[in-house]
Amino acid sequence: GTYFEKISIDTFGTMSNPMVIRNRPGDEVVLDGTGLATVPEAMISVFDQSYIVIQGLIIRNNRHQDAQGILVEGNCQGIHLLGNEIHDIGFSSDSSADPTPTDNAQPIIVYGTNAANPITELVIRGNHVHDCQPGYSEGIAVNGNVVNFTIENNEVLDIDNIGIDAIGFEGTATSNDQARN
């Protein structure tokens, strides 16, 4: 069905038994941000958790300054974002608005903010990101202290800036501030 809610994941799995959030095969599960508060910014947020799989969801209609589809942040290992469709994530409710340098939104964003413990074993595979308005941000971004990650077989189209970005040196982490390996 369609759920008008945002999800903050506050539990974890293990390498052999990950926590899985997904659709039942053949069913459509939609997280829709229409009419929801702007805080938290993300439709799905994962902070300092490990061994989480988010798969087969449709995430849509989160439109406000700093809006996010999926946010992964902090000290995380084994996060897998697989086969999700993310659309209509944007910095403004006006989809034709021209962005300024402070206008940002991120359909998929990974922030390695923990300088001592990088995000590892991250997999972003087979997602379909489209019709988004990230402004001065990206469709899929891995930023800060993130190592040994895989981004593959994603489709990013009809957005107004960079499609996929592995970035660093933006002050995301106090040291080791770059996505690498």
N, C-alpha and C. Protein backbone atom coordinates (compact mmCIF):
# COMPACT_ATOMS: atom_id res chain seq x y z
N GLY A 1 0.81 -1.18 0.00
CA GLY A 1 0.00 0.00 0.00
C GLY A 1 0.86 1.25 0.00
N THR A 2 0.23 2.38 0.19
CA THR A 2 0.90 3.67 0.25
C THR A 2 0.88 4.17 1.68
N TYR A 3 2.04 4.55 2.18
CA TYR A 3 2.20 4.99 3.55
C TYR A 3 2.71 6.42 3.56
N PHE A 4 1.99 7.31 4.20
CA PHE A 4 2.38 8.71 4.32
C PHE A 4 3.12 8.87 5.65
N GLU A 5 4.37 8.42 5.64
CA GLU A 5 5.19 8.48 6.85
C GLU A 5 6.66 8.41 6.49
N LYS A 6 7.47 8.86 7.45
CA LYS A 6 8.92 8.76 7.34
C LYS A 6 9.38 7.71 8.34
N ILE A 7 10.46 7.02 7.99
CA ILE A 7 10.96 5.93 8.82
C ILE A 7 12.37 6.25 9.29
N SER A 8 12.59 6.13 10.59
CA SER A 8 13.92 6.25 11.17
C SER A 8 14.27 4.88 11.75
N ILE A 9 15.29 4.25 11.20
CA ILE A 9 15.65 2.90 11.62
C ILE A 9 16.55 3.00 12.84
N ASP A 10 16.06 2.45 13.96
CA ASP A 10 16.81 2.56 15.21
C ASP A 10 17.19 1.21 15.79
N THR A 11 17.30 0.23 14.92
CA THR A 11 17.76 -1.09 15.32
C THR A 11 18.69 -1.62 14.24
N PHE A 12 19.31 -2.75 14.48
CA PHE A 12 20.31 -3.25 13.54
C PHE A 12 20.15 -4.75 13.36
N GLY A 13 20.80 -5.24 12.32
CA GLY A 13 20.88 -6.67 12.10
C GLY A 13 22.30 -7.14 12.33
N THR A 14 22.58 -8.33 11.89
CA THR A 14 23.94 -8.87 11.95
C THR A 14 24.34 -9.28 10.54
N MET A 15 25.61 -9.59 10.37
CA MET A 15 26.07 -10.00 9.04
C MET A 15 25.29 -11.22 8.56
N SER A 16 25.05 -12.18 9.44
CA SER A 16 24.34 -13.40 9.04
C SER A 16 22.82 -13.26 9.08
N ASN A 17 22.33 -12.22 9.73
CA ASN A 17 20.89 -12.02 9.86
C ASN A 17 20.56 -10.53 9.78
N PRO A 18 20.67 -9.93 8.56
CA PRO A 18 20.42 -8.50 8.45
C PRO A 18 18.94 -8.16 8.67
N MET A 19 18.70 -6.93 9.09
CA MET A 19 17.32 -6.44 9.16
C MET A 19 16.92 -6.02 7.74
N VAL A 20 15.80 -6.51 7.26
CA VAL A 20 15.38 -6.26 5.89
C VAL A 20 14.05 -5.51 5.90
N ILE A 21 14.04 -4.38 5.19
CA ILE A 21 12.81 -3.62 4.97
C ILE A 21 12.57 -3.68 3.47
N ARG A 22 11.50 -4.35 3.09
CA ARG A 22 11.25 -4.52 1.66
C ARG A 22 9.78 -4.78 1.39
N ASN A 23 9.46 -4.73 0.11
CA ASN A 23 8.12 -5.11 -0.32
C ASN A 23 8.04 -6.64 -0.35
N ARG A 24 6.84 -7.14 -0.21
CA ARG A 24 6.63 -8.56 -0.46
C ARG A 24 6.66 -8.72 -1.97
N PRO A 25 7.36 -9.70 -2.50
CA PRO A 25 7.43 -9.86 -3.96
C PRO A 25 6.04 -9.80 -4.59
N GLY A 26 5.93 -8.95 -5.59
CA GLY A 26 4.67 -8.75 -6.29
C GLY A 26 3.82 -7.62 -5.75
N ASP A 27 4.13 -7.13 -4.55
CA ASP A 27 3.38 -6.04 -3.96
C ASP A 27 4.14 -4.73 -4.12
N GLU A 28 3.40 -3.65 -4.23
CA GLU A 28 3.98 -2.32 -4.34
C GLU A 28 3.86 -1.62 -2.98
N VAL A 29 5.00 -1.19 -2.44
CA VAL A 29 5.03 -0.47 -1.18
C VAL A 29 5.58 0.92 -1.46
N VAL A 30 4.78 1.95 -1.12
CA VAL A 30 5.14 3.33 -1.42
C VAL A 30 5.24 4.11 -0.11
N LEU A 31 6.37 4.81 0.08
CA LEU A 31 6.50 5.81 1.13
C LEU A 31 6.33 7.15 0.45
N ASP A 32 5.30 7.88 0.82
CA ASP A 32 4.95 9.13 0.15
C ASP A 32 5.05 10.28 1.14
N GLY A 33 5.85 11.29 0.80
CA GLY A 33 6.07 12.43 1.69
C GLY A 33 5.05 13.54 1.55
N THR A 34 4.03 13.36 0.73
CA THR A 34 3.04 14.41 0.52
C THR A 34 2.42 14.83 1.86
N GLY A 35 2.54 16.14 2.16
CA GLY A 35 1.91 16.70 3.35
C GLY A 35 2.63 16.45 4.66
N LEU A 36 3.79 15.78 4.64
CA LEU A 36 4.50 15.50 5.87
C LEU A 36 5.38 16.67 6.30
N ALA A 37 5.71 16.73 7.57
CA ALA A 37 6.61 17.76 8.10
C ALA A 37 7.98 17.66 7.43
N THR A 38 8.68 18.78 7.41
CA THR A 38 10.00 18.81 6.77
C THR A 38 11.11 18.24 7.65
N VAL A 39 10.83 18.00 8.92
CA VAL A 39 11.82 17.40 9.82
C VAL A 39 11.21 16.12 10.36
N PRO A 40 11.88 14.99 10.25
CA PRO A 40 13.21 14.82 9.68
C PRO A 40 13.20 15.00 8.16
N GLU A 41 14.36 15.26 7.63
CA GLU A 41 14.47 15.54 6.20
C GLU A 41 14.26 14.30 5.34
N ALA A 42 14.69 13.13 5.83
CA ALA A 42 14.71 11.91 5.02
C ALA A 42 13.42 11.10 5.16
N MET A 43 13.02 10.50 4.05
CA MET A 43 11.91 9.55 4.09
C MET A 43 12.33 8.29 4.85
N ILE A 44 13.57 7.83 4.65
CA ILE A 44 14.14 6.73 5.43
C ILE A 44 15.51 7.17 5.91
N SER A 45 15.73 7.11 7.21
CA SER A 45 17.05 7.46 7.74
C SER A 45 17.63 6.31 8.55
N VAL A 46 18.92 6.08 8.32
CA VAL A 46 19.69 5.07 9.04
C VAL A 46 20.87 5.80 9.67
N PHE A 47 20.93 5.83 10.99
CA PHE A 47 22.02 6.53 11.68
C PHE A 47 22.66 5.59 12.69
N ASP A 48 23.96 5.37 12.52
CA ASP A 48 24.74 4.51 13.43
C ASP A 48 24.13 3.12 13.59
N GLN A 49 23.69 2.53 12.50
CA GLN A 49 23.16 1.16 12.52
C GLN A 49 23.87 0.34 11.46
N SER A 50 23.83 -0.98 11.61
CA SER A 50 24.54 -1.85 10.68
C SER A 50 23.66 -3.02 10.24
N TYR A 51 24.03 -3.56 9.09
CA TYR A 51 23.41 -4.72 8.48
C TYR A 51 21.90 -4.52 8.30
N ILE A 52 21.62 -3.53 7.46
CA ILE A 52 20.25 -3.17 7.09
C ILE A 52 20.13 -3.30 5.58
N VAL A 53 19.06 -3.90 5.11
CA VAL A 53 18.75 -3.99 3.68
C VAL A 53 17.45 -3.23 3.45
N ILE A 54 17.47 -2.28 2.52
CA ILE A 54 16.26 -1.56 2.10
C ILE A 54 16.06 -1.90 0.64
N GLN A 55 14.96 -2.58 0.33
CA GLN A 55 14.83 -3.18 -1.00
C GLN A 55 13.41 -3.09 -1.52
N GLY A 56 13.31 -2.74 -2.80
CA GLY A 56 12.05 -2.84 -3.52
C GLY A 56 10.98 -1.84 -3.14
N LEU A 57 11.36 -0.72 -2.53
CA LEU A 57 10.39 0.29 -2.13
C LEU A 57 10.28 1.39 -3.17
N ILE A 58 9.16 2.07 -3.18
CA ILE A 58 9.00 3.30 -3.95
C ILE A 58 8.96 4.44 -2.94
N ILE A 59 9.85 5.40 -3.12
CA ILE A 59 9.95 6.54 -2.22
C ILE A 59 9.72 7.78 -3.07
N ARG A 60 8.75 8.62 -2.64
CA ARG A 60 8.39 9.73 -3.53
C ARG A 60 7.85 10.92 -2.73
N ASN A 61 7.81 12.04 -3.45
CA ASN A 61 7.12 13.26 -3.02
C ASN A 61 7.63 13.84 -1.70
N ASN A 62 8.93 13.99 -1.59
CA ASN A 62 9.51 14.70 -0.46
C ASN A 62 10.15 15.96 -1.05
N ARG A 63 9.47 17.09 -0.92
CA ARG A 63 9.89 18.31 -1.60
C ARG A 63 9.95 19.46 -0.60
N HIS A 64 11.17 19.79 -0.20
CA HIS A 64 11.45 20.94 0.66
C HIS A 64 12.96 21.10 0.75
N GLN A 65 13.42 22.22 1.24
CA GLN A 65 14.86 22.44 1.37
C GLN A 65 15.48 21.29 2.17
N ASP A 66 16.56 20.70 1.63
CA ASP A 66 17.31 19.60 2.23
C ASP A 66 16.53 18.29 2.32
N ALA A 67 15.51 18.12 1.49
CA ALA A 67 14.75 16.87 1.46
C ALA A 67 15.66 15.72 1.04
N GLN A 68 15.38 14.53 1.58
CA GLN A 68 16.16 13.34 1.25
C GLN A 68 15.22 12.16 1.04
N GLY A 69 15.62 11.27 0.16
CA GLY A 69 14.90 10.01 0.00
C GLY A 69 15.39 9.01 1.03
N ILE A 70 16.63 8.53 0.87
CA ILE A 70 17.26 7.63 1.83
C ILE A 70 18.54 8.30 2.33
N LEU A 71 18.69 8.36 3.65
CA LEU A 71 19.89 8.91 4.31
C LEU A 71 20.54 7.80 5.12
N VAL A 72 21.85 7.60 4.89
CA VAL A 72 22.67 6.70 5.70
C VAL A 72 23.77 7.57 6.29
N GLU A 73 23.94 7.54 7.62
CA GLU A 73 24.89 8.47 8.24
C GLU A 73 25.53 7.85 9.48
N GLY A 74 26.78 8.25 9.72
CA GLY A 74 27.46 7.89 10.96
C GLY A 74 28.32 6.65 10.84
N ASN A 75 28.27 5.81 11.84
CA ASN A 75 29.06 4.58 11.93
C ASN A 75 28.17 3.42 11.49
N CYS A 76 28.23 3.06 10.22
CA CYS A 76 27.37 2.02 9.66
C CYS A 76 28.20 1.01 8.88
N GLN A 77 27.80 -0.25 8.94
CA GLN A 77 28.41 -1.29 8.14
C GLN A 77 27.29 -2.13 7.53
N GLY A 78 27.55 -2.64 6.33
CA GLY A 78 26.64 -3.59 5.71
C GLY A 78 25.27 -3.04 5.36
N ILE A 79 25.21 -1.80 4.91
CA ILE A 79 23.95 -1.22 4.46
C ILE A 79 23.80 -1.50 2.97
N HIS A 80 22.67 -2.09 2.58
CA HIS A 80 22.41 -2.41 1.18
C HIS A 80 21.13 -1.73 0.74
N LEU A 81 21.22 -0.90 -0.29
CA LEU A 81 20.07 -0.22 -0.90
C LEU A 81 19.87 -0.86 -2.27
N LEU A 82 18.83 -1.66 -2.41
CA LEU A 82 18.69 -2.53 -3.57
C LEU A 82 17.34 -2.36 -4.25
N GLY A 83 17.36 -2.01 -5.52
CA GLY A 83 16.16 -2.05 -6.34
C GLY A 83 15.03 -1.15 -5.89
N ASN A 84 15.35 0.00 -5.34
CA ASN A 84 14.31 0.96 -4.94
C ASN A 84 14.05 1.94 -6.09
N GLU A 85 12.86 2.47 -6.12
CA GLU A 85 12.53 3.55 -7.05
C GLU A 85 12.32 4.81 -6.23
N ILE A 86 13.08 5.84 -6.56
CA ILE A 86 13.00 7.10 -5.82
C ILE A 86 12.74 8.22 -6.81
N HIS A 87 11.66 8.97 -6.56
CA HIS A 87 11.34 10.05 -7.49
C HIS A 87 10.65 11.20 -6.76
N ASP A 88 10.68 12.34 -7.41
CA ASP A 88 10.06 13.56 -6.89
C ASP A 88 10.59 13.93 -5.51
N ILE A 89 11.91 13.87 -5.37
CA ILE A 89 12.61 14.39 -4.20
C ILE A 89 13.23 15.71 -4.67
N GLY A 90 12.94 16.81 -3.99
CA GLY A 90 13.45 18.09 -4.47
C GLY A 90 13.56 19.14 -3.40
N PHE A 91 14.34 20.17 -3.69
CA PHE A 91 14.58 21.26 -2.75
C PHE A 91 13.41 22.23 -2.65
N SER A 92 12.44 22.11 -3.56
CA SER A 92 11.32 23.06 -3.60
C SER A 92 10.04 22.33 -4.01
N SER A 93 8.92 22.83 -3.53
CA SER A 93 7.64 22.28 -3.98
C SER A 93 7.33 22.70 -5.41
N ASP A 94 8.05 23.72 -5.89
CA ASP A 94 7.92 24.18 -7.27
C ASP A 94 8.95 23.43 -8.11
N SER A 95 8.53 22.43 -8.85
CA SER A 95 9.46 21.59 -9.60
C SER A 95 10.16 22.34 -10.73
N SER A 96 9.73 23.55 -11.05
CA SER A 96 10.40 24.33 -12.10
C SER A 96 11.31 25.42 -11.51
N ALA A 97 11.45 25.48 -10.19
CA ALA A 97 12.29 26.51 -9.55
C ALA A 97 13.75 26.34 -9.93
N ASP A 98 14.44 27.45 -10.18
CA ASP A 98 15.87 27.42 -10.44
C ASP A 98 16.62 27.45 -9.11
N PRO A 99 17.58 26.53 -8.91
CA PRO A 99 18.28 26.48 -7.63
C PRO A 99 19.34 27.57 -7.49
N THR A 100 19.58 27.95 -6.25
CA THR A 100 20.73 28.78 -5.90
C THR A 100 21.74 27.86 -5.23
N PRO A 101 22.96 28.32 -4.97
CA PRO A 101 23.97 27.44 -4.35
C PRO A 101 23.59 26.87 -2.98
N THR A 102 22.58 27.41 -2.33
CA THR A 102 22.16 26.87 -1.02
C THR A 102 20.95 25.95 -1.13
N ASP A 103 20.48 25.68 -2.33
CA ASP A 103 19.32 24.81 -2.52
C ASP A 103 19.79 23.38 -2.78
N ASN A 104 19.38 22.47 -1.89
CA ASN A 104 19.85 21.09 -1.97
C ASN A 104 18.75 20.11 -1.59
N ALA A 105 18.83 18.94 -2.18
CA ALA A 105 18.03 17.77 -1.82
C ALA A 105 18.80 16.56 -2.33
N GLN A 106 18.59 15.41 -1.71
CA GLN A 106 19.33 14.21 -2.11
C GLN A 106 18.42 12.99 -2.13
N PRO A 107 18.18 12.41 -3.28
CA PRO A 107 17.40 11.17 -3.33
C PRO A 107 18.05 10.03 -2.54
N ILE A 108 19.36 9.81 -2.72
CA ILE A 108 20.13 8.86 -1.91
C ILE A 108 21.41 9.56 -1.47
N ILE A 109 21.61 9.65 -0.15
CA ILE A 109 22.82 10.30 0.37
C ILE A 109 23.41 9.44 1.49
N VAL A 110 24.72 9.26 1.42
CA VAL A 110 25.47 8.53 2.46
C VAL A 110 26.52 9.48 2.99
N TYR A 111 26.45 9.77 4.30
CA TYR A 111 27.41 10.65 4.96
C TYR A 111 28.23 9.85 5.96
N GLY A 112 29.51 9.68 5.66
CA GLY A 112 30.43 9.06 6.61
C GLY A 112 30.93 10.13 7.57
N THR A 113 30.17 10.41 8.63
CA THR A 113 30.49 11.51 9.54
C THR A 113 31.41 11.11 10.68
N ASN A 114 31.59 9.82 10.91
CA ASN A 114 32.44 9.35 12.01
C ASN A 114 33.87 9.25 11.50
N ALA A 115 34.76 10.11 12.00
CA ALA A 115 36.14 10.16 11.51
C ALA A 115 36.92 8.88 11.84
N ALA A 116 36.63 8.24 12.96
CA ALA A 116 37.37 7.06 13.39
C ALA A 116 36.84 5.77 12.76
N ASN A 117 35.56 5.73 12.46
CA ASN A 117 34.93 4.50 11.96
C ASN A 117 34.22 4.78 10.63
N PRO A 118 34.81 4.34 9.53
CA PRO A 118 34.18 4.60 8.23
C PRO A 118 32.94 3.75 8.01
N ILE A 119 32.06 4.22 7.15
CA ILE A 119 30.98 3.38 6.65
C ILE A 119 31.64 2.37 5.71
N THR A 120 31.35 1.08 5.93
CA THR A 120 31.94 0.02 5.11
C THR A 120 30.84 -0.93 4.63
N GLU A 121 31.19 -1.74 3.64
CA GLU A 121 30.29 -2.76 3.09
C GLU A 121 28.98 -2.17 2.57
N LEU A 122 29.05 -0.94 2.08
CA LEU A 122 27.88 -0.26 1.52
C LEU A 122 27.66 -0.75 0.09
N VAL A 123 26.42 -1.10 -0.24
CA VAL A 123 26.06 -1.50 -1.60
C VAL A 123 24.83 -0.69 -2.02
N ILE A 124 24.97 0.03 -3.13
CA ILE A 124 23.85 0.76 -3.73
C ILE A 124 23.70 0.18 -5.13
N ARG A 125 22.69 -0.68 -5.30
CA ARG A 125 22.59 -1.44 -6.55
C ARG A 125 21.15 -1.48 -7.07
N GLY A 126 21.03 -1.25 -8.37
CA GLY A 126 19.77 -1.47 -9.06
C GLY A 126 18.65 -0.51 -8.70
N ASN A 127 19.00 0.66 -8.20
CA ASN A 127 17.98 1.66 -7.87
C ASN A 127 17.64 2.49 -9.10
N HIS A 128 16.44 2.99 -9.13
CA HIS A 128 15.96 3.83 -10.23
C HIS A 128 15.61 5.19 -9.62
N VAL A 129 16.46 6.19 -9.87
CA VAL A 129 16.27 7.54 -9.34
C VAL A 129 15.88 8.42 -10.52
N HIS A 130 14.72 9.05 -10.43
CA HIS A 130 14.27 9.85 -11.57
C HIS A 130 13.39 11.00 -11.13
N ASP A 131 13.29 11.99 -12.00
CA ASP A 131 12.42 13.15 -11.82
C ASP A 131 12.61 13.80 -10.45
N CYS A 132 13.89 14.04 -10.14
CA CYS A 132 14.25 14.68 -8.87
C CYS A 132 14.88 16.04 -9.12
N GLN A 133 14.86 16.85 -8.12
CA GLN A 133 15.35 18.23 -8.19
C GLN A 133 16.36 18.44 -7.04
N PRO A 134 17.58 17.90 -7.19
CA PRO A 134 18.55 18.00 -6.09
C PRO A 134 19.19 19.38 -5.95
N GLY A 135 18.90 20.29 -6.86
CA GLY A 135 19.52 21.61 -6.78
C GLY A 135 21.02 21.50 -6.98
N TYR A 136 21.79 21.90 -5.98
CA TYR A 136 23.25 21.84 -6.07
C TYR A 136 23.80 20.53 -5.51
N SER A 137 22.96 19.55 -5.27
CA SER A 137 23.40 18.24 -4.79
C SER A 137 23.29 17.20 -5.91
N GLU A 138 23.31 15.93 -5.54
CA GLU A 138 23.40 14.85 -6.50
C GLU A 138 22.24 13.87 -6.35
N GLY A 139 22.06 13.03 -7.36
CA GLY A 139 21.04 11.99 -7.30
C GLY A 139 21.41 10.88 -6.33
N ILE A 140 22.63 10.39 -6.44
CA ILE A 140 23.18 9.41 -5.51
C ILE A 140 24.56 9.93 -5.11
N ALA A 141 24.79 10.08 -3.80
CA ALA A 141 26.08 10.61 -3.34
C ALA A 141 26.59 9.82 -2.15
N VAL A 142 27.90 9.59 -2.16
CA VAL A 142 28.63 8.97 -1.06
C VAL A 142 29.68 9.99 -0.66
N ASN A 143 29.62 10.46 0.59
CA ASN A 143 30.40 11.62 1.00
C ASN A 143 31.04 11.38 2.37
N GLY A 144 32.30 11.75 2.52
CA GLY A 144 32.97 11.65 3.81
C GLY A 144 33.68 10.33 4.00
N ASN A 145 33.75 9.85 5.24
CA ASN A 145 34.53 8.67 5.59
C ASN A 145 33.76 7.39 5.23
N VAL A 146 33.87 7.01 3.96
CA VAL A 146 33.21 5.82 3.42
C VAL A 146 34.26 5.04 2.65
N VAL A 147 34.43 3.74 2.98
CA VAL A 147 35.43 2.92 2.29
C VAL A 147 34.79 1.62 1.79
N ASN A 148 35.39 1.08 0.73
CA ASN A 148 35.02 -0.23 0.21
C ASN A 148 33.53 -0.34 -0.07
N PHE A 149 33.06 0.54 -0.93
CA PHE A 149 31.64 0.58 -1.28
C PHE A 149 31.44 0.16 -2.73
N THR A 150 30.21 -0.21 -3.06
CA THR A 150 29.84 -0.58 -4.42
C THR A 150 28.62 0.23 -4.83
N ILE A 151 28.71 0.89 -5.97
CA ILE A 151 27.58 1.56 -6.60
C ILE A 151 27.50 1.00 -8.00
N GLU A 152 26.45 0.24 -8.31
CA GLU A 152 26.39 -0.39 -9.63
C GLU A 152 24.95 -0.60 -10.09
N ASN A 153 24.81 -0.57 -11.40
CA ASN A 153 23.55 -0.87 -12.08
C ASN A 153 22.38 -0.01 -11.62
N ASN A 154 22.66 1.23 -11.27
CA ASN A 154 21.60 2.18 -10.93
C ASN A 154 21.25 2.97 -12.17
N GLU A 155 20.02 3.43 -12.25
CA GLU A 155 19.59 4.29 -13.34
C GLU A 155 19.19 5.63 -12.73
N VAL A 156 19.87 6.69 -13.18
CA VAL A 156 19.60 8.04 -12.68
C VAL A 156 19.27 8.90 -13.90
N LEU A 157 18.04 9.44 -13.94
CA LEU A 157 17.67 10.24 -15.09
C LEU A 157 16.66 11.32 -14.70
N ASP A 158 16.63 12.32 -15.54
CA ASP A 158 15.71 13.45 -15.37
C ASP A 158 15.85 14.12 -14.00
N ILE A 159 17.10 14.45 -13.67
CA ILE A 159 17.37 15.27 -12.50
C ILE A 159 18.14 16.49 -12.97
N ASP A 160 18.23 17.52 -12.12
CA ASP A 160 18.79 18.79 -12.60
C ASP A 160 20.24 19.04 -12.17
N ASN A 161 20.98 18.01 -11.78
CA ASN A 161 22.39 18.18 -11.46
C ASN A 161 23.11 16.85 -11.63
N ILE A 162 24.16 16.63 -10.88
CA ILE A 162 25.02 15.46 -10.99
C ILE A 162 24.23 14.19 -10.68
N GLY A 163 24.48 13.13 -11.45
CA GLY A 163 23.78 11.86 -11.24
C GLY A 163 24.33 11.08 -10.06
N ILE A 164 25.60 10.67 -10.14
CA ILE A 164 26.23 9.86 -9.09
C ILE A 164 27.56 10.51 -8.74
N ASP A 165 27.85 10.62 -7.42
CA ASP A 165 29.05 11.31 -6.97
C ASP A 165 29.64 10.60 -5.76
N ALA A 166 30.93 10.30 -5.83
CA ALA A 166 31.71 9.86 -4.67
C ALA A 166 32.64 11.02 -4.36
N ILE A 167 32.50 11.61 -3.19
CA ILE A 167 33.08 12.93 -2.94
C ILE A 167 33.77 12.96 -1.58
N GLY A 168 34.53 14.01 -1.37
CA GLY A 168 35.17 14.20 -0.08
C GLY A 168 35.63 15.63 0.11
N PHE A 169 36.25 15.85 1.25
CA PHE A 169 36.85 17.13 1.62
C PHE A 169 35.82 18.26 1.67
N GLU A 170 34.61 17.93 2.13
CA GLU A 170 33.57 18.94 2.32
C GLU A 170 33.28 19.19 3.79
N GLY A 171 34.10 18.61 4.69
CA GLY A 171 33.88 18.78 6.12
C GLY A 171 32.84 17.83 6.69
N THR A 172 32.55 16.75 5.99
CA THR A 172 31.58 15.76 6.47
C THR A 172 32.13 15.02 7.69
N ALA A 173 33.41 14.64 7.65
CA ALA A 173 34.10 14.03 8.79
C ALA A 173 35.30 14.90 9.12
N THR A 174 35.70 14.91 10.39
CA THR A 174 36.83 15.76 10.81
C THR A 174 38.16 15.26 10.29
N SER A 175 38.26 13.97 9.95
CA SER A 175 39.42 13.41 9.27
C SER A 175 38.94 12.24 8.42
N ASN A 176 39.81 11.74 7.55
CA ASN A 176 39.42 10.69 6.61
C ASN A 176 38.17 11.09 5.82
N ASP A 177 38.14 12.34 5.42
CA ASP A 177 36.93 12.94 4.83
C ASP A 177 36.89 12.75 3.32
N GLN A 178 36.83 11.47 2.89
CA GLN A 178 36.69 11.21 1.46
C GLN A 178 36.19 9.79 1.23
N ALA A 179 35.30 9.64 0.28
CA ALA A 179 34.85 8.32 -0.14
C ALA A 179 35.98 7.70 -0.95
N ARG A 180 36.32 6.44 -0.64
CA ARG A 180 37.49 5.82 -1.27
C ARG A 180 37.36 4.30 -1.34
N ASN A 181 38.18 3.74 -2.21
CA ASN A 181 38.25 2.28 -2.41
C ASN A 181 36.93 1.70 -2.87
